[in-house]
Amino acid sequence: MSIARVTEISASSETSFEDAVKKGVKRANETLRNVKGAWIKEQSVDCDGGQITGYRVNMMVTFILDD
């Protein structure tokens, strides 16, 4: 029987939401073992002078615990 755990992380990118998600999953995989998926909880943008300067995502990352 497998047991999963979920942890929340934030990631950002100057390019896009997709890039922020990729960076977040990559970083989570460096620290956590057995990462199986992620759910995007929130998306937001940083603005300056009416222009978007950054993209941020909060995501719930699911990973399987070792036996």
PDB file of N, CA and C in Angstrom:
ATOM      1  N   MET A   1       0.845  -1.182   0.000  1.00  0.00           N
ATOM      2  CA  MET A   1       0.000   0.000   0.000  1.00  0.00           C
ATOM      3  C   MET A   1       0.888   1.242   0.000  1.00  0.00           C
ATOM      4  N   SER A   2       0.590   2.192  -0.856  1.00  0.00           N
ATOM      5  CA  SER A   2       1.337   3.438  -0.939  1.00  0.00           C
ATOM      6  C   SER A   2       0.630   4.534  -0.151  1.00  0.00           C
ATOM      7  N   ILE A   3       1.430   5.373   0.455  1.00  0.00           N
ATOM      8  CA  ILE A   3       0.895   6.530   1.171  1.00  0.00           C
ATOM      9  C   ILE A   3       1.513   7.773   0.552  1.00  0.00           C
ATOM     10  N   ALA A   4       0.651   8.726   0.203  1.00  0.00           N
ATOM     11  CA  ALA A   4       1.109   9.964  -0.426  1.00  0.00           C
ATOM     12  C   ALA A   4       1.037  11.110   0.569  1.00  0.00           C
ATOM     13  N   ARG A   5       1.841  12.104   0.308  1.00  0.00           N
ATOM     14  CA  ARG A   5       1.824  13.326   1.096  1.00  0.00           C
ATOM     15  C   ARG A   5       1.752  14.496   0.120  1.00  0.00           C
ATOM     16  N   VAL A   6       1.158  15.585   0.553  1.00  0.00           N
ATOM     17  CA  VAL A   6       1.035  16.772  -0.289  1.00  0.00           C
ATOM     18  C   VAL A   6       1.668  17.944   0.447  1.00  0.00           C
ATOM     19  N   THR A   7       2.481  18.710  -0.270  1.00  0.00           N
ATOM     20  CA  THR A   7       3.099  19.892   0.304  1.00  0.00           C
ATOM     21  C   THR A   7       2.897  21.073  -0.632  1.00  0.00           C
ATOM     22  N   GLU A   8       2.758  22.263  -0.076  1.00  0.00           N
ATOM     23  CA  GLU A   8       2.527  23.452  -0.888  1.00  0.00           C
ATOM     24  C   GLU A   8       3.838  24.186  -1.139  1.00  0.00           C
ATOM     25  N   ILE A   9       4.070  24.568  -2.389  1.00  0.00           N
ATOM     26  CA  ILE A   9       5.254  25.354  -2.729  1.00  0.00           C
ATOM     27  C   ILE A   9       4.846  26.512  -3.630  1.00  0.00           C
ATOM     28  N   SER A  10       5.691  27.527  -3.699  1.00  0.00           N
ATOM     29  CA  SER A  10       5.504  28.661  -4.599  1.00  0.00           C
ATOM     30  C   SER A  10       6.680  28.713  -5.554  1.00  0.00           C
ATOM     31  N   ALA A  11       6.411  29.123  -6.782  1.00  0.00           N
ATOM     32  CA  ALA A  11       7.472  29.289  -7.769  1.00  0.00           C
ATOM     33  C   ALA A  11       7.144  30.501  -8.632  1.00  0.00           C
ATOM     34  N   SER A  12       8.187  31.126  -9.174  1.00  0.00           N
ATOM     35  CA  SER A  12       7.961  32.307  -9.996  1.00  0.00           C
ATOM     36  C   SER A  12       8.821  32.272 -11.249  1.00  0.00           C
ATOM     37  N   SER A  13       8.412  33.089 -12.215  1.00  0.00           N
ATOM     38  CA  SER A  13       9.125  33.191 -13.483  1.00  0.00           C
ATOM     39  C   SER A  13       8.898  34.587 -14.043  1.00  0.00           C
ATOM     40  N   GLU A  14       9.867  35.078 -14.787  1.00  0.00           N
ATOM     41  CA  GLU A  14       9.699  36.355 -15.475  1.00  0.00           C
ATOM     42  C   GLU A  14       9.046  36.164 -16.841  1.00  0.00           C
ATOM     43  N   THR A  15       8.874  34.891 -17.263  1.00  0.00           N
ATOM     44  CA  THR A  15       8.399  34.596 -18.610  1.00  0.00           C
ATOM     45  C   THR A  15       6.923  34.227 -18.703  1.00  0.00           C
ATOM     46  N   SER A  16       6.484  33.220 -17.893  1.00  0.00           N
ATOM     47  CA  SER A  16       5.107  32.720 -18.038  1.00  0.00           C
ATOM     48  C   SER A  16       4.708  31.868 -16.838  1.00  0.00           C
ATOM     49  N   PHE A  17       3.395  31.611 -16.748  1.00  0.00           N
ATOM     50  CA  PHE A  17       2.906  30.696 -15.717  1.00  0.00           C
ATOM     51  C   PHE A  17       3.459  29.296 -15.956  1.00  0.00           C
ATOM     52  N   GLU A  18       3.477  28.866 -17.214  1.00  0.00           N
ATOM     53  CA  GLU A  18       3.984  27.533 -17.537  1.00  0.00           C
ATOM     54  C   GLU A  18       5.431  27.366 -17.082  1.00  0.00           C
ATOM     55  N   ASP A  19       6.246  28.387 -17.301  1.00  0.00           N
ATOM     56  CA  ASP A  19       7.644  28.328 -16.880  1.00  0.00           C
ATOM     57  C   ASP A  19       7.747  28.264 -15.356  1.00  0.00           C
ATOM     58  N   ALA A  20       6.890  29.002 -14.659  1.00  0.00           N
ATOM     59  CA  ALA A  20       6.883  28.961 -13.191  1.00  0.00           C
ATOM     60  C   ALA A  20       6.537  27.562 -12.690  1.00  0.00           C
ATOM     61  N   VAL A  21       5.558  26.920 -13.333  1.00  0.00           N
ATOM     62  CA  VAL A  21       5.170  25.554 -12.946  1.00  0.00           C
ATOM     63  C   VAL A  21       6.341  24.597 -13.177  1.00  0.00           C
ATOM     64  N   LYS A  22       6.970  24.690 -14.343  1.00  0.00           N
ATOM     65  CA  LYS A  22       8.105  23.812 -14.645  1.00  0.00           C
ATOM     66  C   LYS A  22       9.235  23.993 -13.639  1.00  0.00           C
ATOM     67  N   LYS A  23       9.537  25.246 -13.292  1.00  0.00           N
ATOM     68  CA  LYS A  23      10.593  25.509 -12.310  1.00  0.00           C
ATOM     69  C   LYS A  23      10.223  24.939 -10.944  1.00  0.00           C
ATOM     70  N   GLY A  24       8.957  25.093 -10.545  1.00  0.00           N
ATOM     71  CA  GLY A  24       8.508  24.587  -9.253  1.00  0.00           C
ATOM     72  C   GLY A  24       8.588  23.075  -9.157  1.00  0.00           C
ATOM     73  N   VAL A  25       8.122  22.376 -10.194  1.00  0.00           N
ATOM     74  CA  VAL A  25       8.157  20.914 -10.192  1.00  0.00           C
ATOM     75  C   VAL A  25       9.608  20.417 -10.214  1.00  0.00           C
ATOM     76  N   LYS A  26      10.443  21.066 -11.016  1.00  0.00           N
ATOM     77  CA  LYS A  26      11.862  20.674 -11.081  1.00  0.00           C
ATOM     78  C   LYS A  26      12.527  20.830  -9.719  1.00  0.00           C
ATOM     79  N   ARG A  27      12.270  21.965  -9.054  1.00  0.00           N
ATOM     80  CA  ARG A  27      12.873  22.206  -7.735  1.00  0.00           C
ATOM     81  C   ARG A  27      12.332  21.230  -6.694  1.00  0.00           C
ATOM     82  N   ALA A  28      11.046  20.957  -6.724  1.00  0.00           N
ATOM     83  CA  ALA A  28      10.459  19.998  -5.782  1.00  0.00           C
ATOM     84  C   ALA A  28      11.084  18.627  -5.964  1.00  0.00           C
ATOM     85  N   ASN A  29      11.328  18.242  -7.204  1.00  0.00           N
ATOM     86  CA  ASN A  29      11.901  16.933  -7.498  1.00  0.00           C
ATOM     87  C   ASN A  29      13.343  16.818  -7.013  1.00  0.00           C
ATOM     88  N   GLU A  30      14.042  17.940  -6.865  1.00  0.00           N
ATOM     89  CA  GLU A  30      15.412  17.922  -6.337  1.00  0.00           C
ATOM     90  C   GLU A  30      15.427  17.630  -4.834  1.00  0.00           C
ATOM     91  N   THR A  31      14.368  18.002  -4.141  1.00  0.00           N
ATOM     92  CA  THR A  31      14.308  17.850  -2.683  1.00  0.00           C
ATOM     93  C   THR A  31      13.478  16.652  -2.249  1.00  0.00           C
ATOM     94  N   LEU A  32      12.374  16.405  -2.938  1.00  0.00           N
ATOM     95  CA  LEU A  32      11.450  15.334  -2.573  1.00  0.00           C
ATOM     96  C   LEU A  32      11.664  14.127  -3.480  1.00  0.00           C
ATOM     97  N   ARG A  33      11.492  12.946  -2.923  1.00  0.00           N
ATOM     98  CA  ARG A  33      11.548  11.727  -3.728  1.00  0.00           C
ATOM     99  C   ARG A  33      10.129  11.328  -4.141  1.00  0.00           C
ATOM    100  N   ASN A  34      10.034  10.657  -5.271  1.00  0.00           N
ATOM    101  CA  ASN A  34       8.775  10.077  -5.741  1.00  0.00           C
ATOM    102  C   ASN A  34       7.678  11.113  -6.007  1.00  0.00           C
ATOM    103  N   VAL A  35       8.043  12.259  -6.588  1.00  0.00           N
ATOM    104  CA  VAL A  35       7.039  13.270  -6.947  1.00  0.00           C
ATOM    105  C   VAL A  35       6.159  12.689  -8.049  1.00  0.00           C
ATOM    106  N   LYS A  36       4.842  12.744  -7.842  1.00  0.00           N
ATOM    107  CA  LYS A  36       3.898  12.132  -8.769  1.00  0.00           C
ATOM    108  C   LYS A  36       2.998  13.122  -9.481  1.00  0.00           C
ATOM    109  N   GLY A  37       2.869  14.336  -8.963  1.00  0.00           N
ATOM    110  CA  GLY A  37       2.000  15.302  -9.623  1.00  0.00           C
ATOM    111  C   GLY A  37       1.925  16.604  -8.864  1.00  0.00           C
ATOM    112  N   ALA A  38       1.259  17.581  -9.484  1.00  0.00           N
ATOM    113  CA  ALA A  38       1.080  18.885  -8.849  1.00  0.00           C
ATOM    114  C   ALA A  38      -0.264  19.464  -9.267  1.00  0.00           C
ATOM    115  N   TRP A  39      -0.870  20.187  -8.355  1.00  0.00           N
ATOM    116  CA  TRP A  39      -2.136  20.857  -8.591  1.00  0.00           C
ATOM    117  C   TRP A  39      -1.901  22.343  -8.385  1.00  0.00           C
ATOM    118  N   ILE A  40      -2.271  23.159  -9.367  1.00  0.00           N
ATOM    119  CA  ILE A  40      -2.062  24.596  -9.274  1.00  0.00           C
ATOM    120  C   ILE A  40      -3.195  25.206  -8.456  1.00  0.00           C
ATOM    121  N   LYS A  41      -2.827  25.714  -7.296  1.00  0.00           N
ATOM    122  CA  LYS A  41      -3.807  26.271  -6.362  1.00  0.00           C
ATOM    123  C   LYS A  41      -4.116  27.736  -6.683  1.00  0.00           C
ATOM    124  N   GLU A  42      -3.090  28.521  -7.002  1.00  0.00           N
ATOM    125  CA  GLU A  42      -3.265  29.946  -7.292  1.00  0.00           C
ATOM    126  C   GLU A  42      -2.274  30.394  -8.349  1.00  0.00           C
ATOM    127  N   GLN A  43      -2.678  31.394  -9.111  1.00  0.00           N
ATOM    128  CA  GLN A  43      -1.790  32.070 -10.045  1.00  0.00           C
ATOM    129  C   GLN A  43      -1.910  33.561  -9.785  1.00  0.00           C
ATOM    130  N   SER A  44      -0.785  34.274  -9.868  1.00  0.00           N
ATOM    131  CA  SER A  44      -0.820  35.722  -9.721  1.00  0.00           C
ATOM    132  C   SER A  44       0.312  36.329 -10.539  1.00  0.00           C
ATOM    133  N   VAL A  45       0.193  37.617 -10.800  1.00  0.00           N
ATOM    134  CA  VAL A  45       1.238  38.322 -11.542  1.00  0.00           C
ATOM    135  C   VAL A  45       1.750  39.491 -10.713  1.00  0.00           C
ATOM    136  N   ASP A  46       3.011  39.834 -10.950  1.00  0.00           N
ATOM    137  CA  ASP A  46       3.605  41.038 -10.386  1.00  0.00           C
ATOM    138  C   ASP A  46       3.570  42.096 -11.479  1.00  0.00           C
ATOM    139  N   CYS A  47       3.249  43.328 -11.112  1.00  0.00           N
ATOM    140  CA  CYS A  47       3.144  44.407 -12.091  1.00  0.00           C
ATOM    141  C   CYS A  47       3.969  45.610 -11.662  1.00  0.00           C
ATOM    142  N   ASP A  48       4.419  46.360 -12.664  1.00  0.00           N
ATOM    143  CA  ASP A  48       5.132  47.615 -12.427  1.00  0.00           C
ATOM    144  C   ASP A  48       4.825  48.544 -13.590  1.00  0.00           C
ATOM    145  N   GLY A  49       4.229  49.679 -13.301  1.00  0.00           N
ATOM    146  CA  GLY A  49       3.905  50.639 -14.347  1.00  0.00           C
ATOM    147  C   GLY A  49       2.911  50.120 -15.370  1.00  0.00           C
ATOM    148  N   GLY A  50       2.000  49.255 -14.935  1.00  0.00           N
ATOM    149  CA  GLY A  50       1.002  48.717 -15.832  1.00  0.00           C
ATOM    150  C   GLY A  50       1.484  47.554 -16.681  1.00  0.00           C
ATOM    151  N   GLN A  51       2.710  47.107 -16.463  1.00  0.00           N
ATOM    152  CA  GLN A  51       3.272  45.986 -17.218  1.00  0.00           C
ATOM    153  C   GLN A  51       3.486  44.790 -16.300  1.00  0.00           C
ATOM    154  N   ILE A  52       3.263  43.600 -16.816  1.00  0.00           N
ATOM    155  CA  ILE A  52       3.516  42.379 -16.042  1.00  0.00           C
ATOM    156  C   ILE A  52       5.020  42.159 -15.976  1.00  0.00           C
ATOM    157  N   THR A  53       5.520  42.008 -14.755  1.00  0.00           N
ATOM    158  CA  THR A  53       6.963  41.812 -14.565  1.00  0.00           C
ATOM    159  C   THR A  53       7.304  40.415 -14.064  1.00  0.00           C
ATOM    160  N   GLY A  54       6.300  39.660 -13.612  1.00  0.00           N
ATOM    161  CA  GLY A  54       6.558  38.316 -13.130  1.00  0.00           C
ATOM    162  C   GLY A  54       5.285  37.508 -12.984  1.00  0.00           C
ATOM    163  N   TYR A  55       5.448  36.207 -13.035  1.00  0.00           N
ATOM    164  CA  TYR A  55       4.341  35.253 -12.908  1.00  0.00           C
ATOM    165  C   TYR A  55       4.620  34.356 -11.718  1.00  0.00           C
ATOM    166  N   ARG A  56       3.613  34.144 -10.874  1.00  0.00           N
ATOM    167  CA  ARG A  56       3.802  33.348  -9.665  1.00  0.00           C
ATOM    168  C   ARG A  56       2.700  32.295  -9.564  1.00  0.00           C
ATOM    169  N   VAL A  57       3.086  31.086  -9.144  1.00  0.00           N
ATOM    170  CA  VAL A  57       2.108  30.020  -8.899  1.00  0.00           C
ATOM    171  C   VAL A  57       2.323  29.439  -7.509  1.00  0.00           C
ATOM    172  N   ASN A  58       1.229  29.116  -6.865  1.00  0.00           N
ATOM    173  CA  ASN A  58       1.261  28.318  -5.637  1.00  0.00           C
ATOM    174  C   ASN A  58       0.707  26.963  -6.040  1.00  0.00           C
ATOM    175  N   MET A  59       1.456  25.916  -5.738  1.00  0.00           N
ATOM    176  CA  MET A  59       1.029  24.589  -6.156  1.00  0.00           C
ATOM    177  C   MET A  59       1.132  23.586  -5.026  1.00  0.00           C
ATOM    178  N   MET A  60       0.264  22.584  -5.108  1.00  0.00           N
ATOM    179  CA  MET A  60       0.276  21.472  -4.161  1.00  0.00           C
ATOM    180  C   MET A  60       0.971  20.309  -4.859  1.00  0.00           C
ATOM    181  N   VAL A  61       2.093  19.881  -4.327  1.00  0.00           N
ATOM    182  CA  VAL A  61       2.889  18.822  -4.936  1.00  0.00           C
ATOM    183  C   VAL A  61       2.640  17.515  -4.185  1.00  0.00           C
ATOM    184  N   THR A  62       2.314  16.450  -4.910  1.00  0.00           N
ATOM    185  CA  THR A  62       2.051  15.145  -4.328  1.00  0.00           C
ATOM    186  C   THR A  62       3.254  14.241  -4.538  1.00  0.00           C
ATOM    187  N   PHE A  63       3.678  13.582  -3.457  1.00  0.00           N
ATOM    188  CA  PHE A  63       4.766  12.624  -3.553  1.00  0.00           C
ATOM    189  C   PHE A  63       4.465  11.417  -2.691  1.00  0.00           C
ATOM    190  N   ILE A  64       5.030  10.271  -3.081  1.00  0.00           N
ATOM    191  CA  ILE A  64       4.796   9.016  -2.383  1.00  0.00           C
ATOM    192  C   ILE A  64       5.880   8.826  -1.321  1.00  0.00           C
ATOM    193  N   LEU A  65       5.467   8.500  -0.117  1.00  0.00           N
ATOM    194  CA  LEU A  65       6.408   8.258   0.974  1.00  0.00           C
ATOM    195  C   LEU A  65       7.096   6.901   0.807  1.00  0.00           C
ATOM    196  N   ASP A  66       8.354   6.853   1.179  1.00  0.00           N
ATOM    197  CA  ASP A  66       9.089   5.576   1.149  1.00  0.00           C
ATOM    198  C   ASP A  66       8.529   4.617   2.189  1.00  0.00           C
ATOM    199  N   ASP A  67       8.619   3.321   1.898  1.00  0.00           N
ATOM    200  CA  ASP A  67       8.162   2.306   2.864  1.00  0.00           C
ATOM    201  C   ASP A  67       9.113   2.213   4.038  1.00  0.00           C
TER     202      ASP A  67
END
